[in-house]
PDB file of N, CA and C in Angstrom:
ATOM      1  N   MET A   1      17.681  -3.129   1.381  1.00  0.00           N
ATOM      2  CA  MET A   1      17.476  -3.667   2.713  1.00  0.00           C
ATOM      3  C   MET A   1      18.837  -3.767   3.397  1.00  0.00           C
ATOM      4  N   ILE A   2      18.860  -3.374   4.676  1.00  0.00           N
ATOM      5  CA  ILE A   2      20.039  -3.561   5.516  1.00  0.00           C
ATOM      6  C   ILE A   2      19.593  -4.249   6.801  1.00  0.00           C
ATOM      7  N   TYR A   3      20.558  -4.768   7.535  1.00  0.00           N
ATOM      8  CA  TYR A   3      20.282  -5.418   8.807  1.00  0.00           C
ATOM      9  C   TYR A   3      21.217  -4.852   9.863  1.00  0.00           C
ATOM     10  N   GLU A   4      20.670  -4.603  11.030  1.00  0.00           N
ATOM     11  CA  GLU A   4      21.481  -4.182  12.156  1.00  0.00           C
ATOM     12  C   GLU A   4      21.657  -5.375  13.077  1.00  0.00           C
ATOM     13  N   LEU A   5      22.895  -5.766  13.284  1.00  0.00           N
ATOM     14  CA  LEU A   5      23.223  -6.883  14.159  1.00  0.00           C
ATOM     15  C   LEU A   5      23.796  -6.315  15.450  1.00  0.00           C
ATOM     16  N   ARG A   6      23.120  -6.560  16.538  1.00  0.00           N
ATOM     17  CA  ARG A   6      23.561  -6.053  17.841  1.00  0.00           C
ATOM     18  C   ARG A   6      23.960  -7.234  18.722  1.00  0.00           C
ATOM     19  N   THR A   7      25.122  -7.115  19.341  1.00  0.00           N
ATOM     20  CA  THR A   7      25.606  -8.120  20.282  1.00  0.00           C
ATOM     21  C   THR A   7      25.860  -7.431  21.610  1.00  0.00           C
ATOM     22  N   TYR A   8      25.212  -7.927  22.643  1.00  0.00           N
ATOM     23  CA  TYR A   8      25.402  -7.378  23.980  1.00  0.00           C
ATOM     24  C   TYR A   8      26.059  -8.439  24.848  1.00  0.00           C
ATOM     25  N   THR A   9      27.124  -8.057  25.522  1.00  0.00           N
ATOM     26  CA  THR A   9      27.744  -8.904  26.537  1.00  0.00           C
ATOM     27  C   THR A   9      27.166  -8.473  27.879  1.00  0.00           C
ATOM     28  N   LEU A  10      26.610  -9.441  28.584  1.00  0.00           N
ATOM     29  CA  LEU A  10      25.913  -9.161  29.843  1.00  0.00           C
ATOM     30  C   LEU A  10      26.759  -9.593  31.042  1.00  0.00           C
ATOM     31  N   TYR A  11      26.374  -9.091  32.195  1.00  0.00           N
ATOM     32  CA  TYR A  11      27.004  -9.565  33.419  1.00  0.00           C
ATOM     33  C   TYR A  11      26.709 -11.057  33.563  1.00  0.00           C
ATOM     34  N   PRO A  12      27.658 -11.831  34.122  1.00  0.00           N
ATOM     35  CA  PRO A  12      27.449 -13.279  34.261  1.00  0.00           C
ATOM     36  C   PRO A  12      26.130 -13.603  34.961  1.00  0.00           C
ATOM     37  N   GLY A  13      25.416 -14.554  34.377  1.00  0.00           N
ATOM     38  CA  GLY A  13      24.161 -15.031  34.939  1.00  0.00           C
ATOM     39  C   GLY A  13      22.944 -14.166  34.645  1.00  0.00           C
ATOM     40  N   LYS A  14      23.093 -13.105  33.863  1.00  0.00           N
ATOM     41  CA  LYS A  14      21.991 -12.171  33.625  1.00  0.00           C
ATOM     42  C   LYS A  14      21.205 -12.441  32.344  1.00  0.00           C
ATOM     43  N   VAL A  15      21.603 -13.443  31.563  1.00  0.00           N
ATOM     44  CA  VAL A  15      20.891 -13.713  30.312  1.00  0.00           C
ATOM     45  C   VAL A  15      19.412 -14.012  30.553  1.00  0.00           C
ATOM     46  N   PRO A  16      19.041 -14.895  31.484  1.00  0.00           N
ATOM     47  CA  PRO A  16      17.602 -15.156  31.678  1.00  0.00           C
ATOM     48  C   PRO A  16      16.809 -13.899  32.042  1.00  0.00           C
ATOM     49  N   GLU A  17      17.356 -13.055  32.892  1.00  0.00           N
ATOM     50  CA  GLU A  17      16.674 -11.814  33.266  1.00  0.00           C
ATOM     51  C   GLU A  17      16.531 -10.880  32.059  1.00  0.00           C
ATOM     52  N   PHE A  18      17.598 -10.762  31.265  1.00  0.00           N
ATOM     53  CA  PHE A  18      17.567  -9.925  30.064  1.00  0.00           C
ATOM     54  C   PHE A  18      16.498 -10.419  29.096  1.00  0.00           C
ATOM     55  N   LEU A  19      16.456 -11.740  28.870  1.00  0.00           N
ATOM     56  CA  LEU A  19      15.477 -12.311  27.939  1.00  0.00           C
ATOM     57  C   LEU A  19      14.048 -12.043  28.402  1.00  0.00           C
ATOM     58  N   LYS A  20      13.788 -12.147  29.689  1.00  0.00           N
ATOM     59  CA  LYS A  20      12.437 -11.919  30.212  1.00  0.00           C
ATOM     60  C   LYS A  20      12.025 -10.456  30.030  1.00  0.00           C
ATOM     61  N   ILE A  21      12.940  -9.533  30.352  1.00  0.00           N
ATOM     62  CA  ILE A  21      12.632  -8.110  30.192  1.00  0.00           C
ATOM     63  C   ILE A  21      12.393  -7.798  28.716  1.00  0.00           C
ATOM     64  N   MET A  22      13.247  -8.348  27.853  1.00  0.00           N
ATOM     65  CA  MET A  22      13.108  -8.099  26.414  1.00  0.00           C
ATOM     66  C   MET A  22      11.789  -8.660  25.887  1.00  0.00           C
ATOM     67  N   GLU A  23      11.452  -9.857  26.316  1.00  0.00           N
ATOM     68  CA  GLU A  23      10.181 -10.460  25.875  1.00  0.00           C
ATOM     69  C   GLU A  23       8.992  -9.591  26.294  1.00  0.00           C
ATOM     70  N   ASP A  24       9.021  -9.097  27.517  1.00  0.00           N
ATOM     71  CA  ASP A  24       7.929  -8.257  28.008  1.00  0.00           C
ATOM     72  C   ASP A  24       7.879  -6.913  27.273  1.00  0.00           C
ATOM     73  N   GLY A  25       9.053  -6.366  26.942  1.00  0.00           N
ATOM     74  CA  GLY A  25       9.105  -5.058  26.305  1.00  0.00           C
ATOM     75  C   GLY A  25       9.014  -5.069  24.800  1.00  0.00           C
ATOM     76  N   LEU A  26       9.122  -6.247  24.194  1.00  0.00           N
ATOM     77  CA  LEU A  26       9.160  -6.334  22.735  1.00  0.00           C
ATOM     78  C   LEU A  26       7.966  -5.696  22.038  1.00  0.00           C
ATOM     79  N   PRO A  27       6.736  -5.854  22.524  1.00  0.00           N
ATOM     80  CA  PRO A  27       5.623  -5.182  21.842  1.00  0.00           C
ATOM     81  C   PRO A  27       5.808  -3.661  21.747  1.00  0.00           C
ATOM     82  N   ALA A  28       6.379  -3.049  22.770  1.00  0.00           N
ATOM     83  CA  ALA A  28       6.612  -1.601  22.736  1.00  0.00           C
ATOM     84  C   ALA A  28       7.651  -1.254  21.679  1.00  0.00           C
ATOM     85  N   ARG A  29       8.688  -2.091  21.541  1.00  0.00           N
ATOM     86  CA  ARG A  29       9.735  -1.825  20.547  1.00  0.00           C
ATOM     87  C   ARG A  29       9.238  -2.119  19.128  1.00  0.00           C
ATOM     88  N   GLU A  30       8.419  -3.161  18.992  1.00  0.00           N
ATOM     89  CA  GLU A  30       7.945  -3.543  17.659  1.00  0.00           C
ATOM     90  C   GLU A  30       6.850  -2.614  17.124  1.00  0.00           C
ATOM     91  N   LYS A  31       6.420  -1.654  17.895  1.00  0.00           N
ATOM     92  CA  LYS A  31       5.549  -0.606  17.346  1.00  0.00           C
ATOM     93  C   LYS A  31       6.311   0.202  16.300  1.00  0.00           C
ATOM     94  N   HIS A  32       7.628   0.180  16.392  1.00  0.00           N
ATOM     95  CA  HIS A  32       8.482   1.000  15.530  1.00  0.00           C
ATOM     96  C   HIS A  32       9.101   0.201  14.387  1.00  0.00           C
ATOM     97  N   SER A  33       9.488  -1.039  14.638  1.00  0.00           N
ATOM     98  CA  SER A  33       9.978  -1.939  13.583  1.00  0.00           C
ATOM     99  C   SER A  33      10.005  -3.357  14.142  1.00  0.00           C
ATOM    100  N   LYS A  34       9.910  -4.317  13.240  1.00  0.00           N
ATOM    101  CA  LYS A  34       9.835  -5.726  13.643  1.00  0.00           C
ATOM    102  C   LYS A  34      11.219  -6.318  13.863  1.00  0.00           C
ATOM    103  N   LEU A  35      11.296  -7.186  14.841  1.00  0.00           N
ATOM    104  CA  LEU A  35      12.515  -7.927  15.157  1.00  0.00           C
ATOM    105  C   LEU A  35      12.764  -8.989  14.087  1.00  0.00           C
ATOM    106  N   GLY A  36      14.000  -9.100  13.630  1.00  0.00           N
ATOM    107  CA  GLY A  36      14.362 -10.135  12.658  1.00  0.00           C
ATOM    108  C   GLY A  36      14.730 -11.450  13.319  1.00  0.00           C
ATOM    109  N   GLY A  37      15.369 -11.389  14.473  1.00  0.00           N
ATOM    110  CA  GLY A  37      15.765 -12.592  15.190  1.00  0.00           C
ATOM    111  C   GLY A  37      16.442 -12.228  16.499  1.00  0.00           C
ATOM    112  N   PHE A  38      16.429 -13.166  17.440  1.00  0.00           N
ATOM    113  CA  PHE A  38      17.020 -12.925  18.755  1.00  0.00           C
ATOM    114  C   PHE A  38      17.588 -14.242  19.266  1.00  0.00           C
ATOM    115  N   TRP A  39      18.849 -14.223  19.669  1.00  0.00           N
ATOM    116  CA  TRP A  39      19.538 -15.426  20.109  1.00  0.00           C
ATOM    117  C   TRP A  39      20.364 -15.131  21.348  1.00  0.00           C
ATOM    118  N   PHE A  40      20.765 -16.194  22.039  1.00  0.00           N
ATOM    119  CA  PHE A  40      21.742 -16.057  23.119  1.00  0.00           C
ATOM    120  C   PHE A  40      22.782 -17.151  22.950  1.00  0.00           C
ATOM    121  N   THR A  41      23.981 -16.875  23.454  1.00  0.00           N
ATOM    122  CA  THR A  41      25.081 -17.815  23.265  1.00  0.00           C
ATOM    123  C   THR A  41      25.003 -18.944  24.288  1.00  0.00           C
ATOM    124  N   ASP A  42      25.413 -20.124  23.837  1.00  0.00           N
ATOM    125  CA  ASP A  42      25.434 -21.308  24.696  1.00  0.00           C
ATOM    126  C   ASP A  42      26.801 -21.982  24.645  1.00  0.00           C
ATOM    127  N   ILE A  43      27.532 -21.735  23.569  1.00  0.00           N
ATOM    128  CA  ILE A  43      28.887 -22.273  23.385  1.00  0.00           C
ATOM    129  C   ILE A  43      29.738 -21.126  22.862  1.00  0.00           C
ATOM    130  N   GLY A  44      30.986 -21.079  23.265  1.00  0.00           N
ATOM    131  CA  GLY A  44      31.874 -19.985  22.848  1.00  0.00           C
ATOM    132  C   GLY A  44      31.846 -18.884  23.883  1.00  0.00           C
ATOM    133  N   VAL A  45      31.814 -17.634  23.426  1.00  0.00           N
ATOM    134  CA  VAL A  45      31.730 -16.497  24.356  1.00  0.00           C
ATOM    135  C   VAL A  45      30.356 -16.530  25.012  1.00  0.00           C
ATOM    136  N   LEU A  46      30.345 -16.633  26.312  1.00  0.00           N
ATOM    137  CA  LEU A  46      29.080 -16.758  27.047  1.00  0.00           C
ATOM    138  C   LEU A  46      28.564 -15.395  27.503  1.00  0.00           C
ATOM    139  N   ASN A  47      27.351 -15.411  28.016  1.00  0.00           N
ATOM    140  CA  ASN A  47      26.699 -14.206  28.540  1.00  0.00           C
ATOM    141  C   ASN A  47      26.478 -13.161  27.457  1.00  0.00           C
ATOM    142  N   GLN A  48      26.135 -13.619  26.262  1.00  0.00           N
ATOM    143  CA  GLN A  48      25.843 -12.691  25.170  1.00  0.00           C
ATOM    144  C   GLN A  48      24.456 -12.952  24.612  1.00  0.00           C
ATOM    145  N   VAL A  49      23.817 -11.860  24.191  1.00  0.00           N
ATOM    146  CA  VAL A  49      22.592 -11.938  23.405  1.00  0.00           C
ATOM    147  C   VAL A  49      22.870 -11.230  22.084  1.00  0.00           C
ATOM    148  N   VAL A  50      22.259 -11.745  21.027  1.00  0.00           N
ATOM    149  CA  VAL A  50      22.462 -11.214  19.681  1.00  0.00           C
ATOM    150  C   VAL A  50      21.087 -11.008  19.070  1.00  0.00           C
ATOM    151  N   HIS A  51      20.856  -9.820  18.502  1.00  0.00           N
ATOM    152  CA  HIS A  51      19.569  -9.598  17.858  1.00  0.00           C
ATOM    153  C   HIS A  51      19.760  -8.885  16.530  1.00  0.00           C
ATOM    154  N   LEU A  52      18.831  -9.152  15.632  1.00  0.00           N
ATOM    155  CA  LEU A  52      18.901  -8.678  14.255  1.00  0.00           C
ATOM    156  C   LEU A  52      17.636  -7.891  13.934  1.00  0.00           C
ATOM    157  N   TRP A  53      17.848  -6.673  13.385  1.00  0.00           N
ATOM    158  CA  TRP A  53      16.735  -5.792  13.039  1.00  0.00           C
ATOM    159  C   TRP A  53      16.827  -5.423  11.565  1.00  0.00           C
ATOM    160  N   PRO A  54      15.827  -5.745  10.758  1.00  0.00           N
ATOM    161  CA  PRO A  54      15.840  -5.340   9.347  1.00  0.00           C
ATOM    162  C   PRO A  54      15.327  -3.908   9.167  1.00  0.00           C
ATOM    163  N   TYR A  55      15.948  -3.200   8.233  1.00  0.00           N
ATOM    164  CA  TYR A  55      15.536  -1.844   7.881  1.00  0.00           C
ATOM    165  C   TYR A  55      15.597  -1.685   6.368  1.00  0.00           C
ATOM    166  N   GLU A  56      14.794  -0.791   5.846  1.00  0.00           N
ATOM    167  CA  GLU A  56      14.816  -0.515   4.408  1.00  0.00           C
ATOM    168  C   GLU A  56      16.163   0.074   3.987  1.00  0.00           C
ATOM    169  N   ASP A  57      16.697   0.987   4.808  1.00  0.00           N
ATOM    170  CA  ASP A  57      17.973   1.649   4.538  1.00  0.00           C
ATOM    171  C   ASP A  57      18.391   2.391   5.810  1.00  0.00           C
ATOM    172  N   LEU A  58      19.516   3.126   5.754  1.00  0.00           N
ATOM    173  CA  LEU A  58      19.997   3.836   6.939  1.00  0.00           C
ATOM    174  C   LEU A  58      19.042   4.940   7.387  1.00  0.00           C
ATOM    175  N   ALA A  59      18.354   5.565   6.448  1.00  0.00           N
ATOM    176  CA  ALA A  59      17.384   6.602   6.816  1.00  0.00           C
ATOM    177  C   ALA A  59      16.222   5.993   7.604  1.00  0.00           C
ATOM    178  N   HIS A  60      15.755   4.832   7.176  1.00  0.00           N
ATOM    179  CA  HIS A  60      14.685   4.137   7.897  1.00  0.00           C
ATOM    180  C   HIS A  60      15.147   3.767   9.301  1.00  0.00           C
ATOM    181  N   ARG A  61      16.373   3.249   9.407  1.00  0.00           N
ATOM    182  CA  ARG A  61      16.934   2.907  10.721  1.00  0.00           C
ATOM    183  C   ARG A  61      16.964   4.137  11.622  1.00  0.00           C
ATOM    184  N   ALA A  62      17.454   5.257  11.117  1.00  0.00           N
ATOM    185  CA  ALA A  62      17.553   6.477  11.915  1.00  0.00           C
ATOM    186  C   ALA A  62      16.173   6.924  12.391  1.00  0.00           C
ATOM    187  N   LYS A  63      15.187   6.854  11.519  1.00  0.00           N
ATOM    188  CA  LYS A  63      13.820   7.253  11.870  1.00  0.00           C
ATOM    189  C   LYS A  63      13.255   6.353  12.970  1.00  0.00           C
ATOM    190  N   VAL A  64      13.440   5.052  12.824  1.00  0.00           N
ATOM    191  CA  VAL A  64      12.936   4.089  13.808  1.00  0.00           C
ATOM    192  C   VAL A  64      13.636   4.275  15.149  1.00  0.00           C
ATOM    193  N   ARG A  65      14.961   4.393  15.128  1.00  0.00           N
ATOM    194  CA  ARG A  65      15.725   4.546  16.365  1.00  0.00           C
ATOM    195  C   ARG A  65      15.307   5.828  17.101  1.00  0.00           C
ATOM    196  N   LYS A  66      15.096   6.904  16.368  1.00  0.00           N
ATOM    197  CA  LYS A  66      14.680   8.158  16.990  1.00  0.00           C
ATOM    198  C   LYS A  66      13.310   7.999  17.644  1.00  0.00           C
ATOM    199  N   ALA A  67      12.388   7.365  16.928  1.00  0.00           N
ATOM    200  CA  ALA A  67      11.042   7.152  17.471  1.00  0.00           C
ATOM    201  C   ALA A  67      11.088   6.274  18.718  1.00  0.00           C
ATOM    202  N   ALA A  68      11.855   5.191  18.683  1.00  0.00           N
ATOM    203  CA  ALA A  68      11.960   4.294  19.841  1.00  0.00           C
ATOM    204  C   ALA A  68      12.625   5.005  21.019  1.00  0.00           C
ATOM    205  N   ASP A  69      13.640   5.806  20.732  1.00  0.00           N
ATOM    206  CA  ASP A  69      14.340   6.534  21.794  1.00  0.00           C
ATOM    207  C   ASP A  69      13.446   7.552  22.492  1.00  0.00           C
ATOM    208  N   HIS A  70      12.388   7.997  21.823  1.00  0.00           N
ATOM    209  CA  HIS A  70      11.468   8.975  22.403  1.00  0.00           C
ATOM    210  C   HIS A  70      10.149   8.357  22.863  1.00  0.00           C
ATOM    211  N   ASP A  71      10.063   7.050  22.845  1.00  0.00           N
ATOM    212  CA  ASP A  71       8.843   6.346  23.237  1.00  0.00           C
ATOM    213  C   ASP A  71       8.946   5.928  24.706  1.00  0.00           C
ATOM    214  N   PRO A  72       8.172   6.545  25.600  1.00  0.00           N
ATOM    215  CA  PRO A  72       8.261   6.201  27.026  1.00  0.00           C
ATOM    216  C   PRO A  72       7.984   4.725  27.313  1.00  0.00           C
ATOM    217  N   ALA A  73       7.094   4.118  26.545  1.00  0.00           N
ATOM    218  CA  ALA A  73       6.780   2.696  26.761  1.00  0.00           C
ATOM    219  C   ALA A  73       8.003   1.828  26.520  1.00  0.00           C
ATOM    220  N   TRP A  74       8.772   2.114  25.453  1.00  0.00           N
ATOM    221  CA  TRP A  74       9.980   1.339  25.186  1.00  0.00           C
ATOM    222  C   TRP A  74      11.109   1.730  26.147  1.00  0.00           C
ATOM    223  N   GLN A  75      11.258   2.998  26.447  1.00  0.00           N
ATOM    224  CA  GLN A  75      12.333   3.453  27.318  1.00  0.00           C
ATOM    225  C   GLN A  75      12.246   2.847  28.719  1.00  0.00           C
ATOM    226  N   LYS A  76      11.037   2.560  29.164  1.00  0.00           N
ATOM    227  CA  LYS A  76      10.857   1.898  30.467  1.00  0.00           C
ATOM    228  C   LYS A  76      11.618   0.573  30.490  1.00  0.00           C
ATOM    229  N   PHE A  77      11.546  -0.185  29.409  1.00  0.00           N
ATOM    230  CA  PHE A  77      12.237  -1.468  29.330  1.00  0.00           C
ATOM    231  C   PHE A  77      13.720  -1.286  29.003  1.00  0.00           C
ATOM    232  N   ALA A  78      14.015  -0.395  28.080  1.00  0.00           N
ATOM    233  CA  ALA A  78      15.403  -0.196  27.630  1.00  0.00           C
ATOM    234  C   ALA A  78      16.301   0.203  28.789  1.00  0.00           C
ATOM    235  N   SER A  79      15.841   1.080  29.657  1.00  0.00           N
ATOM    236  CA  SER A  79      16.679   1.510  30.776  1.00  0.00           C
ATOM    237  C   SER A  79      16.967   0.352  31.729  1.00  0.00           C
ATOM    238  N   THR A  80      16.006  -0.548  31.896  1.00  0.00           N
ATOM    239  CA  THR A  80      16.217  -1.726  32.739  1.00  0.00           C
ATOM    240  C   THR A  80      17.222  -2.678  32.094  1.00  0.00           C
ATOM    241  N   LEU A  81      17.132  -2.837  30.776  1.00  0.00           N
ATOM    242  CA  LEU A  81      18.072  -3.708  30.055  1.00  0.00           C
ATOM    243  C   LEU A  81      19.498  -3.180  30.143  1.00  0.00           C
ATOM    244  N   HIS A  82      19.665  -1.878  30.013  1.00  0.00           N
ATOM    245  CA  HIS A  82      21.006  -1.278  29.996  1.00  0.00           C
ATOM    246  C   HIS A  82      21.793  -1.583  31.265  1.00  0.00           C
ATOM    247  N   ALA A  83      21.109  -1.734  32.384  1.00  0.00           N
ATOM    248  CA  ALA A  83      21.782  -2.029  33.649  1.00  0.00           C
ATOM    249  C   ALA A  83      22.423  -3.419  33.664  1.00  0.00           C
ATOM    250  N   LEU A  84      22.031  -4.278  32.734  1.00  0.00           N
ATOM    251  CA  LEU A  84      22.554  -5.649  32.679  1.00  0.00           C
ATOM    252  C   LEU A  84      23.694  -5.802  31.679  1.00  0.00           C
ATOM    253  N   ILE A  85      23.994  -4.762  30.912  1.00  0.00           N
ATOM    254  CA  ILE A  85      24.939  -4.837  29.795  1.00  0.00           C
ATOM    255  C   ILE A  85      26.319  -4.328  30.201  1.00  0.00           C
ATOM    256  N   ILE A  86      27.338  -5.128  29.877  1.00  0.00           N
ATOM    257  CA  ILE A  86      28.727  -4.722  30.072  1.00  0.00           C
ATOM    258  C   ILE A  86      29.253  -4.041  28.811  1.00  0.00           C
ATOM    259  N   LYS A  87      28.935  -4.624  27.659  1.00  0.00           N
ATOM    260  CA  LYS A  87      29.496  -4.159  26.387  1.00  0.00           C
ATOM    261  C   LYS A  87      28.439  -4.291  25.300  1.00  0.00           C
ATOM    262  N   MET A  88      28.400  -3.288  24.395  1.00  0.00           N
ATOM    263  CA  MET A  88      27.478  -3.311  23.264  1.00  0.00           C
ATOM    264  C   MET A  88      28.282  -3.230  21.971  1.00  0.00           C
ATOM    265  N   GLU A  89      27.940  -4.093  21.012  1.00  0.00           N
ATOM    266  CA  GLU A  89      28.554  -4.048  19.681  1.00  0.00           C
ATOM    267  C   GLU A  89      27.440  -3.938  18.659  1.00  0.00           C
ATOM    268  N   ASN A  90      27.693  -3.201  17.605  1.00  0.00           N
ATOM    269  CA  ASN A  90      26.676  -2.950  16.601  1.00  0.00           C
ATOM    270  C   ASN A  90      27.312  -3.021  15.218  1.00  0.00           C
ATOM    271  N   LYS A  91      26.653  -3.716  14.303  1.00  0.00           N
ATOM    272  CA  LYS A  91      27.117  -3.803  12.921  1.00  0.00           C
ATOM    273  C   LYS A  91      25.939  -3.585  11.990  1.00  0.00           C
ATOM    274  N   ILE A  92      26.193  -2.898  10.892  1.00  0.00           N
ATOM    275  CA  ILE A  92      25.209  -2.779   9.831  1.00  0.00           C
ATOM    276  C   ILE A  92      25.644  -3.742   8.735  1.00  0.00           C
ATOM    277  N   LEU A  93      24.748  -4.642   8.354  1.00  0.00           N
ATOM    278  CA  LEU A  93      25.039  -5.669   7.364  1.00  0.00           C
ATOM    279  C   LEU A  93      24.229  -5.415   6.097  1.00  0.00           C
ATOM    280  N   THR A  94      24.876  -5.587   4.961  1.00  0.00           N
ATOM    281  CA  THR A  94      24.214  -5.490   3.660  1.00  0.00           C
ATOM    282  C   THR A  94      24.192  -6.889   3.066  1.00  0.00           C
ATOM    283  N   PRO A  95      23.015  -7.418   2.723  1.00  0.00           N
ATOM    284  CA  PRO A  95      22.949  -8.788   2.202  1.00  0.00           C
ATOM    285  C   PRO A  95      23.534  -8.910   0.798  1.00  0.00           C
ATOM    286  N   ALA A  96      24.174 -10.028   0.549  1.00  0.00           N
ATOM    287  CA  ALA A  96      24.652 -10.351  -0.805  1.00  0.00           C
ATOM    288  C   ALA A  96      23.445 -10.577  -1.705  1.00  0.00           C
ATOM    289  N   ASP A  97      23.632 -10.431  -3.002  1.00  0.00           N
ATOM    290  CA  ASP A  97      22.536 -10.598  -3.957  1.00  0.00           C
ATOM    291  C   ASP A  97      21.852 -11.953  -3.840  1.00  0.00           C
ATOM    292  N   PHE A  98      22.596 -12.982  -3.418  1.00  0.00           N
ATOM    293  CA  PHE A  98      22.041 -14.343  -3.356  1.00  0.00           C
ATOM    294  C   PHE A  98      21.525 -14.698  -1.960  1.00  0.00           C
ATOM    295  N   SER A  99      21.554 -13.762  -1.042  1.00  0.00           N
ATOM    296  CA  SER A  99      21.111 -14.037   0.326  1.00  0.00           C
ATOM    297  C   SER A  99      19.603 -14.248   0.380  1.00  0.00           C
ATOM    298  N   PRO A 100      19.141 -15.266   1.137  1.00  0.00           N
ATOM    299  CA  PRO A 100      17.695 -15.438   1.278  1.00  0.00           C
ATOM    300  C   PRO A 100      17.056 -14.289   2.054  1.00  0.00           C
ATOM    301  N   LEU A 101      17.809 -13.632   2.924  1.00  0.00           N
ATOM    302  CA  LEU A 101      17.320 -12.444   3.632  1.00  0.00           C
ATOM    303  C   LEU A 101      17.810 -11.231   2.866  1.00  0.00           C
ATOM    304  N   LYS A 102      17.055 -10.827   1.875  1.00  0.00           N
ATOM    305  CA  LYS A 102      17.480  -9.728   1.010  1.00  0.00           C
ATOM    306  C   LYS A 102      16.475  -8.612   0.959  1.00  0.00           C
TER     307      LYS A 102
END
């Protein structure tokens, strides 16, 4: 199991709009894989959203990402979200043997 941690820095004041679009579009994205978690910052670096996606391995991630990228239902929402993003960061995380999310 691996986890993809995505952090998006948004234009100031755009977090509520981003969250609403994401909430509306989530069913289209979850046809391909389930969301592990979704958060937004309130203290520290502001105007950020962070989301976590679990995958079996890198091959599973690649398959899911390709399917989502070619899904018109998801792309309708994704293109709207991209207009609100200043910066995107992505990390692939491997859980430690003792991690509860393993």
